[in-house]
Amino acid sequence: MSNPLTPFSCTAFLGVEAIASGSLQDVVTSVKEALSESKLTQVLIFNDLTGKPIDVDFRGKINDVLNRLGEPLDDSSGTEESSRTARRVGRPKLGVVSGEVTLLPRHWDWLKSQPGGASVTLRKLIDEARRTGEQQSTLRASQEAAYTFMTAMAGDFNHYEEALRAMYTGDLDGFYRFIADWAPDIRNHVKRLAAGAFPAAVCAEGEQDHEDYKG
């Protein structure tokens, strides 16, 4: 289950219909005020980031329900500790710090032959590795969120397995085709969760939008 103490956006479903979306507190309040006790037992609320269900106890008054959710976590912890971390020698005004790098002679020879020298080349290589790593993390997180939600809400829908395979292979057209006849709110939510699982398609759309703007 998702941690209800962490601020995030979520969506509530009653059957295959999305009935509320927003912060957990807002969604719980809206659902509690709008539905009867019998229908509240059928409501499922999902974390919009992870696709995981959130366990909410709707018993009692609205204040009782909200109090059981707890307060958002204070993310300021560690800030003071970070500010006390000693800065190493380097060029502090530029945010540059020095450190030891151990390489073989051929590695140093290659680095020194690159435009800008070893330091500039190393920084470029690290930035590129970070971007690649972040893209992979986003892809995996999006796949996991879509899979979790699909399994909970669309596991018995037509072409469920085929849609999963299309998502994991990066086949956006196939993915959309397989979920085309699903309940609209379920289908649209799956599309949002799975958006990061198709980075090539997102890049292509962005490039096309840029070309259209230039034109």
C-alpha atoms as a PDB file:
ATOM      1  CA  MET A   1       0.000   0.000   0.000  1.00  0.00           C
ATOM      2  CA  SER A   2       1.087   3.604  -0.559  1.00  0.00           C
ATOM      3  CA  ASN A   3       2.274   5.633   2.401  1.00  0.00           C
ATOM      4  CA  PRO A   4      -0.621   8.015   3.220  1.00  0.00           C
ATOM      5  CA  LEU A   5       1.748  10.348   5.057  1.00  0.00           C
ATOM      6  CA  THR A   6       3.557  11.435   1.901  1.00  0.00           C
ATOM      7  CA  PRO A   7       1.993  14.256  -0.181  1.00  0.00           C
ATOM      8  CA  PHE A   8       0.959  13.057  -3.636  1.00  0.00           C
ATOM      9  CA  SER A   9      -1.825  13.177  -6.201  1.00  0.00           C
ATOM     10  CA  CYS A  10      -4.302  10.339  -6.327  1.00  0.00           C
ATOM     11  CA  THR A  11      -7.463   9.225  -8.145  1.00  0.00           C
ATOM     12  CA  ALA A  12     -10.533   7.522  -6.736  1.00  0.00           C
ATOM     13  CA  PHE A  13     -12.548   4.968  -8.699  1.00  0.00           C
ATOM     14  CA  LEU A  14     -16.024   3.610  -8.122  1.00  0.00           C
ATOM     15  CA  GLY A  15     -16.170   0.594 -10.372  1.00  0.00           C
ATOM     16  CA  VAL A  16     -14.680   1.687 -13.696  1.00  0.00           C
ATOM     17  CA  GLU A  17     -15.546   5.367 -13.196  1.00  0.00           C
ATOM     18  CA  ALA A  18     -13.047   7.929 -11.924  1.00  0.00           C
ATOM     19  CA  ILE A  19     -14.959  10.004  -9.365  1.00  0.00           C
ATOM     20  CA  ALA A  20     -12.305  12.275  -7.844  1.00  0.00           C
ATOM     21  CA  SER A  21      -8.704  13.310  -8.387  1.00  0.00           C
ATOM     22  CA  GLY A  22      -6.276  15.519  -6.484  1.00  0.00           C
ATOM     23  CA  SER A  23      -4.514  15.409  -3.143  1.00  0.00           C
ATOM     24  CA  LEU A  24      -5.377  12.503  -0.876  1.00  0.00           C
ATOM     25  CA  GLN A  25      -7.103  14.817   1.608  1.00  0.00           C
ATOM     26  CA  ASP A  26      -9.211  16.441  -1.128  1.00  0.00           C
ATOM     27  CA  VAL A  27     -10.136  13.134  -2.723  1.00  0.00           C
ATOM     28  CA  VAL A  28     -11.091  11.531   0.587  1.00  0.00           C
ATOM     29  CA  THR A  29     -13.184  14.565   1.547  1.00  0.00           C
ATOM     30  CA  SER A  30     -14.974  14.634  -1.818  1.00  0.00           C
ATOM     31  CA  VAL A  31     -15.676  10.913  -1.796  1.00  0.00           C
ATOM     32  CA  LYS A  32     -16.791  10.851   1.840  1.00  0.00           C
ATOM     33  CA  GLU A  33     -19.224  13.740   1.320  1.00  0.00           C
ATOM     34  CA  ALA A  34     -20.650  12.458  -1.982  1.00  0.00           C
ATOM     35  CA  LEU A  35     -21.189   8.748  -1.400  1.00  0.00           C
ATOM     36  CA  SER A  36     -23.283   6.607   0.887  1.00  0.00           C
ATOM     37  CA  GLU A  37     -21.659   4.228   3.350  1.00  0.00           C
ATOM     38  CA  SER A  38     -22.488   1.246   1.140  1.00  0.00           C
ATOM     39  CA  LYS A  39     -20.769   2.788  -1.872  1.00  0.00           C
ATOM     40  CA  LEU A  40     -17.745   3.898   0.150  1.00  0.00           C
ATOM     41  CA  THR A  41     -16.854   0.252   0.663  1.00  0.00           C
ATOM     42  CA  GLN A  42     -16.535  -0.105  -3.120  1.00  0.00           C
ATOM     43  CA  VAL A  43     -14.226   2.882  -3.643  1.00  0.00           C
ATOM     44  CA  LEU A  44     -10.614   2.270  -4.635  1.00  0.00           C
ATOM     45  CA  ILE A  45      -8.062   5.077  -4.428  1.00  0.00           C
ATOM     46  CA  PHE A  46      -4.770   4.902  -6.326  1.00  0.00           C
ATOM     47  CA  ASN A  47      -1.512   6.818  -6.030  1.00  0.00           C
ATOM     48  CA  ASP A  48      -1.057   8.638  -9.364  1.00  0.00           C
ATOM     49  CA  LEU A  49       2.719   8.250  -9.208  1.00  0.00           C
ATOM     50  CA  THR A  50       3.051   4.568  -8.347  1.00  0.00           C
ATOM     51  CA  GLY A  51      -0.305   3.152  -9.405  1.00  0.00           C
ATOM     52  CA  LYS A  52      -0.598   1.483  -6.002  1.00  0.00           C
ATOM     53  CA  PRO A  53      -3.869   1.350  -4.038  1.00  0.00           C
ATOM     54  CA  ILE A  54      -4.193   3.426  -0.883  1.00  0.00           C
ATOM     55  CA  ASP A  55      -5.892   1.949   2.168  1.00  0.00           C
ATOM     56  CA  VAL A  56      -8.374   4.490   3.564  1.00  0.00           C
ATOM     57  CA  ASP A  57     -10.672   3.850   6.521  1.00  0.00           C
ATOM     58  CA  PHE A  58     -13.882   5.772   5.795  1.00  0.00           C
ATOM     59  CA  ARG A  59     -15.564   4.997   9.127  1.00  0.00           C
ATOM     60  CA  GLY A  60     -16.847   7.853  11.230  1.00  0.00           C
ATOM     61  CA  LYS A  61     -17.031  11.582  10.558  1.00  0.00           C
ATOM     62  CA  ILE A  62     -14.927  13.243   7.872  1.00  0.00           C
ATOM     63  CA  ASN A  63     -12.580  14.671  10.519  1.00  0.00           C
ATOM     64  CA  ASP A  64     -12.040  11.175  11.896  1.00  0.00           C
ATOM     65  CA  VAL A  65     -11.177   9.890   8.413  1.00  0.00           C
ATOM     66  CA  LEU A  66      -8.762  12.747   7.710  1.00  0.00           C
ATOM     67  CA  ASN A  67      -7.101  12.445  11.103  1.00  0.00           C
ATOM     68  CA  ARG A  68      -6.357   8.813  10.394  1.00  0.00           C
ATOM     69  CA  LEU A  69      -4.508   9.842   7.226  1.00  0.00           C
ATOM     70  CA  GLY A  70      -1.878  11.645   9.289  1.00  0.00           C
ATOM     71  CA  GLU A  71       0.052  14.773   8.378  1.00  0.00           C
ATOM     72  CA  PRO A  72       2.434  15.220   5.392  1.00  0.00           C
ATOM     73  CA  LEU A  73       5.999  14.274   6.170  1.00  0.00           C
ATOM     74  CA  ASP A  74       8.432  17.128   6.860  1.00  0.00           C
ATOM     75  CA  ASP A  75      11.022  16.906   4.091  1.00  0.00           C
ATOM     76  CA  SER A  76      13.187  19.566   5.726  1.00  0.00           C
ATOM     77  CA  SER A  77      15.021  16.927   7.774  1.00  0.00           C
ATOM     78  CA  GLY A  78      18.540  16.580   6.539  1.00  0.00           C
ATOM     79  CA  THR A  79      18.656  20.121   5.127  1.00  0.00           C
ATOM     80  CA  GLU A  80      20.538  21.424   8.117  1.00  0.00           C
ATOM     81  CA  GLU A  81      22.803  18.394   8.037  1.00  0.00           C
ATOM     82  CA  SER A  82      23.520  18.977   4.358  1.00  0.00           C
ATOM     83  CA  SER A  83      24.335  22.622   4.983  1.00  0.00           C
ATOM     84  CA  ARG A  84      26.902  21.576   7.550  1.00  0.00           C
ATOM     85  CA  THR A  85      28.707  19.280   5.136  1.00  0.00           C
ATOM     86  CA  ALA A  86      32.228  20.552   4.652  1.00  0.00           C
ATOM     87  CA  ARG A  87      33.040  21.738   1.158  1.00  0.00           C
ATOM     88  CA  ARG A  88      36.190  20.259  -0.313  1.00  0.00           C
ATOM     89  CA  VAL A  89      38.906  22.302  -1.934  1.00  0.00           C
ATOM     90  CA  GLY A  90      38.335  23.371  -5.514  1.00  0.00           C
ATOM     91  CA  ARG A  91      36.556  26.449  -6.844  1.00  0.00           C
ATOM     92  CA  PRO A  92      33.831  27.020  -4.209  1.00  0.00           C
ATOM     93  CA  LYS A  93      32.358  30.090  -5.877  1.00  0.00           C
ATOM     94  CA  LEU A  94      31.610  28.003  -8.984  1.00  0.00           C
ATOM     95  CA  GLY A  95      30.399  25.030  -6.981  1.00  0.00           C
ATOM     96  CA  VAL A  96      33.392  22.995  -8.136  1.00  0.00           C
ATOM     97  CA  VAL A  97      35.009  20.583  -5.676  1.00  0.00           C
ATOM     98  CA  SER A  98      38.044  18.411  -6.149  1.00  0.00           C
ATOM     99  CA  GLY A  99      38.347  14.664  -5.626  1.00  0.00           C
ATOM    100  CA  GLU A 100      40.613  11.788  -6.461  1.00  0.00           C
ATOM    101  CA  VAL A 101      40.110   9.839  -9.703  1.00  0.00           C
ATOM    102  CA  THR A 102      42.172   6.722 -10.360  1.00  0.00           C
ATOM    103  CA  LEU A 103      42.578   5.730 -14.006  1.00  0.00           C
ATOM    104  CA  LEU A 104      44.950   3.740 -16.161  1.00  0.00           C
ATOM    105  CA  PRO A 105      47.476   5.643 -18.314  1.00  0.00           C
ATOM    106  CA  ARG A 106      45.503   4.995 -21.499  1.00  0.00           C
ATOM    107  CA  HIS A 107      42.433   6.524 -19.887  1.00  0.00           C
ATOM    108  CA  TRP A 108      44.342   9.665 -18.927  1.00  0.00           C
ATOM    109  CA  ASP A 109      45.826   9.881 -22.418  1.00  0.00           C
ATOM    110  CA  TRP A 110      42.381   9.724 -23.967  1.00  0.00           C
ATOM    111  CA  LEU A 111      40.901  12.269 -21.564  1.00  0.00           C
ATOM    112  CA  LYS A 112      43.718  14.745 -22.117  1.00  0.00           C
ATOM    113  CA  SER A 113      43.265  14.495 -25.887  1.00  0.00           C
ATOM    114  CA  GLN A 114      39.604  15.552 -25.695  1.00  0.00           C
ATOM    115  CA  PRO A 115      38.516  19.168 -26.265  1.00  0.00           C
ATOM    116  CA  GLY A 116      38.556  20.991 -22.943  1.00  0.00           C
ATOM    117  CA  GLY A 117      40.818  18.488 -21.266  1.00  0.00           C
ATOM    118  CA  ALA A 118      40.192  15.779 -18.676  1.00  0.00           C
ATOM    119  CA  SER A 119      37.964  17.705 -16.262  1.00  0.00           C
ATOM    120  CA  VAL A 120      35.551  18.982 -18.901  1.00  0.00           C
ATOM    121  CA  THR A 121      35.317  15.574 -20.560  1.00  0.00           C
ATOM    122  CA  LEU A 122      34.676  13.792 -17.273  1.00  0.00           C
ATOM    123  CA  ARG A 123      31.906  16.233 -16.383  1.00  0.00           C
ATOM    124  CA  LYS A 124      30.264  15.710 -19.787  1.00  0.00           C
ATOM    125  CA  LEU A 125      30.480  11.921 -19.446  1.00  0.00           C
ATOM    126  CA  ILE A 126      28.970  12.046 -15.960  1.00  0.00           C
ATOM    127  CA  ASP A 127      26.135  14.363 -17.043  1.00  0.00           C
ATOM    128  CA  GLU A 128      25.306  12.048 -19.946  1.00  0.00           C
ATOM    129  CA  ALA A 129      25.344   8.996 -17.676  1.00  0.00           C
ATOM    130  CA  ARG A 130      23.049  10.778 -15.238  1.00  0.00           C
ATOM    131  CA  ARG A 131      20.596  11.682 -17.996  1.00  0.00           C
ATOM    132  CA  THR A 132      20.573   8.107 -19.260  1.00  0.00           C
ATOM    133  CA  GLY A 133      20.099   6.767 -15.755  1.00  0.00           C
ATOM    134  CA  GLU A 134      17.249   9.164 -15.060  1.00  0.00           C
ATOM    135  CA  GLN A 135      15.530   8.179 -18.302  1.00  0.00           C
ATOM    136  CA  GLN A 136      15.808   4.499 -17.408  1.00  0.00           C
ATOM    137  CA  SER A 137      14.489   5.170 -13.897  1.00  0.00           C
ATOM    138  CA  THR A 138      11.530   7.090 -15.309  1.00  0.00           C
ATOM    139  CA  LEU A 139      10.797   4.311 -17.786  1.00  0.00           C
ATOM    140  CA  ARG A 140      10.885   1.601 -15.124  1.00  0.00           C
ATOM    141  CA  ALA A 141       8.783   3.640 -12.685  1.00  0.00           C
ATOM    142  CA  SER A 142       6.167   4.325 -15.357  1.00  0.00           C
ATOM    143  CA  GLN A 143       6.028   0.672 -16.389  1.00  0.00           C
ATOM    144  CA  GLU A 144       5.652  -0.427 -12.773  1.00  0.00           C
ATOM    145  CA  ALA A 145       2.913   2.115 -12.038  1.00  0.00           C
ATOM    146  CA  ALA A 146       0.913   1.184 -15.136  1.00  0.00           C
ATOM    147  CA  TYR A 147       1.368  -2.544 -14.488  1.00  0.00           C
ATOM    148  CA  THR A 148       0.223  -2.213 -10.854  1.00  0.00           C
ATOM    149  CA  PHE A 149      -2.885  -0.233 -11.757  1.00  0.00           C
ATOM    150  CA  MET A 150      -3.728  -2.385 -14.775  1.00  0.00           C
ATOM    151  CA  THR A 151      -3.465  -5.548 -12.719  1.00  0.00           C
ATOM    152  CA  ALA A 152      -5.813  -4.155 -10.075  1.00  0.00           C
ATOM    153  CA  MET A 153      -8.393  -2.581 -12.377  1.00  0.00           C
ATOM    154  CA  ALA A 154      -8.072  -4.175 -15.823  1.00  0.00           C
ATOM    155  CA  GLY A 155      -6.744  -7.667 -15.173  1.00  0.00           C
ATOM    156  CA  ASP A 156      -9.873  -9.236 -16.665  1.00  0.00           C
ATOM    157  CA  PHE A 157     -10.231  -6.796 -19.567  1.00  0.00           C
ATOM    158  CA  ASN A 158      -9.783  -7.897 -23.171  1.00  0.00           C
ATOM    159  CA  HIS A 159      -6.166  -7.851 -24.388  1.00  0.00           C
ATOM    160  CA  TYR A 160      -4.783  -7.159 -20.903  1.00  0.00           C
ATOM    161  CA  GLU A 161      -1.739  -9.383 -21.434  1.00  0.00           C
ATOM    162  CA  GLU A 162      -1.171  -8.125 -24.957  1.00  0.00           C
ATOM    163  CA  ALA A 163      -1.273  -4.531 -23.697  1.00  0.00           C
ATOM    164  CA  LEU A 164       1.342  -5.339 -21.060  1.00  0.00           C
ATOM    165  CA  ARG A 165       3.642  -6.926 -23.628  1.00  0.00           C
ATOM    166  CA  ALA A 166       3.271  -3.905 -25.911  1.00  0.00           C
ATOM    167  CA  MET A 167       4.141  -1.570 -23.056  1.00  0.00           C
ATOM    168  CA  TYR A 168       7.246  -3.502 -22.024  1.00  0.00           C
ATOM    169  CA  THR A 169       8.474  -3.650 -25.624  1.00  0.00           C
ATOM    170  CA  GLY A 170       7.856   0.060 -26.221  1.00  0.00           C
ATOM    171  CA  ASP A 171       5.137  -0.521 -28.832  1.00  0.00           C
ATOM    172  CA  LEU A 172       2.977   2.565 -28.298  1.00  0.00           C
ATOM    173  CA  ASP A 173       0.659   1.961 -31.266  1.00  0.00           C
ATOM    174  CA  GLY A 174       0.034  -1.605 -30.153  1.00  0.00           C
ATOM    175  CA  PHE A 175      -0.485  -0.527 -26.565  1.00  0.00           C
ATOM    176  CA  TYR A 176      -3.116   2.030 -27.544  1.00  0.00           C
ATOM    177  CA  ARG A 177      -4.772  -0.461 -29.868  1.00  0.00           C
ATOM    178  CA  PHE A 178      -5.087  -3.141 -27.186  1.00  0.00           C
ATOM    179  CA  ILE A 179      -6.614  -0.810 -24.594  1.00  0.00           C
ATOM    180  CA  ALA A 180      -8.865   1.048 -27.064  1.00  0.00           C
ATOM    181  CA  ASP A 181     -12.081  -0.692 -25.991  1.00  0.00           C
ATOM    182  CA  TRP A 182     -11.460  -0.498 -22.258  1.00  0.00           C
ATOM    183  CA  ALA A 183     -13.691   1.607 -19.989  1.00  0.00           C
ATOM    184  CA  PRO A 184     -12.809   5.236 -20.836  1.00  0.00           C
ATOM    185  CA  ASP A 185     -11.706   6.336 -17.353  1.00  0.00           C
ATOM    186  CA  ILE A 186      -9.585   3.213 -16.866  1.00  0.00           C
ATOM    187  CA  ARG A 187      -8.055   3.558 -20.344  1.00  0.00           C
ATOM    188  CA  ASN A 188      -7.221   7.248 -19.890  1.00  0.00           C
ATOM    189  CA  HIS A 189      -5.677   6.678 -16.483  1.00  0.00           C
ATOM    190  CA  VAL A 190      -3.553   3.838 -17.840  1.00  0.00           C
ATOM    191  CA  LYS A 191      -2.338   6.126 -20.631  1.00  0.00           C
ATOM    192  CA  ARG A 192      -1.264   8.752 -18.104  1.00  0.00           C
ATOM    193  CA  LEU A 193       0.548   6.236 -15.919  1.00  0.00           C
ATOM    194  CA  ALA A 194       2.293   4.612 -18.891  1.00  0.00           C
ATOM    195  CA  ALA A 195       3.339   7.859 -20.602  1.00  0.00           C
ATOM    196  CA  GLY A 196       6.933   7.580 -19.391  1.00  0.00           C
ATOM    197  CA  ALA A 197       7.208   4.007 -20.667  1.00  0.00           C
ATOM    198  CA  PHE A 198       7.440   5.256 -24.256  1.00  0.00           C
ATOM    199  CA  PRO A 199      10.292   7.821 -24.247  1.00  0.00           C
ATOM    200  CA  ALA A 200      10.959   7.479 -27.975  1.00  0.00           C
ATOM    201  CA  ALA A 201       7.356   8.366 -28.770  1.00  0.00           C
ATOM    202  CA  VAL A 202       7.419  11.314 -26.375  1.00  0.00           C
ATOM    203  CA  CYS A 203      10.632  12.626 -27.964  1.00  0.00           C
ATOM    204  CA  ALA A 204       9.188  12.205 -31.447  1.00  0.00           C
ATOM    205  CA  GLU A 205       6.072  14.136 -30.477  1.00  0.00           C
ATOM    206  CA  GLY A 206       8.199  16.881 -28.953  1.00  0.00           C
ATOM    207  CA  GLU A 207      10.322  17.151 -32.077  1.00  0.00           C
ATOM    208  CA  GLN A 208       7.222  17.250 -34.263  1.00  0.00           C
ATOM    209  CA  ASP A 209       5.697  19.977 -32.099  1.00  0.00           C
ATOM    210  CA  HIS A 210       8.927  21.951 -32.447  1.00  0.00           C
ATOM    211  CA  GLU A 211       8.900  21.547 -36.231  1.00  0.00           C
ATOM    212  CA  ASP A 212       5.247  22.596 -36.369  1.00  0.00           C
ATOM    213  CA  TYR A 213       6.042  25.662 -34.278  1.00  0.00           C
ATOM    214  CA  LYS A 214       8.951  26.601 -36.542  1.00  0.00           C
ATOM    215  CA  GLY A 215       6.753  26.158 -39.577  1.00  0.00           C
END
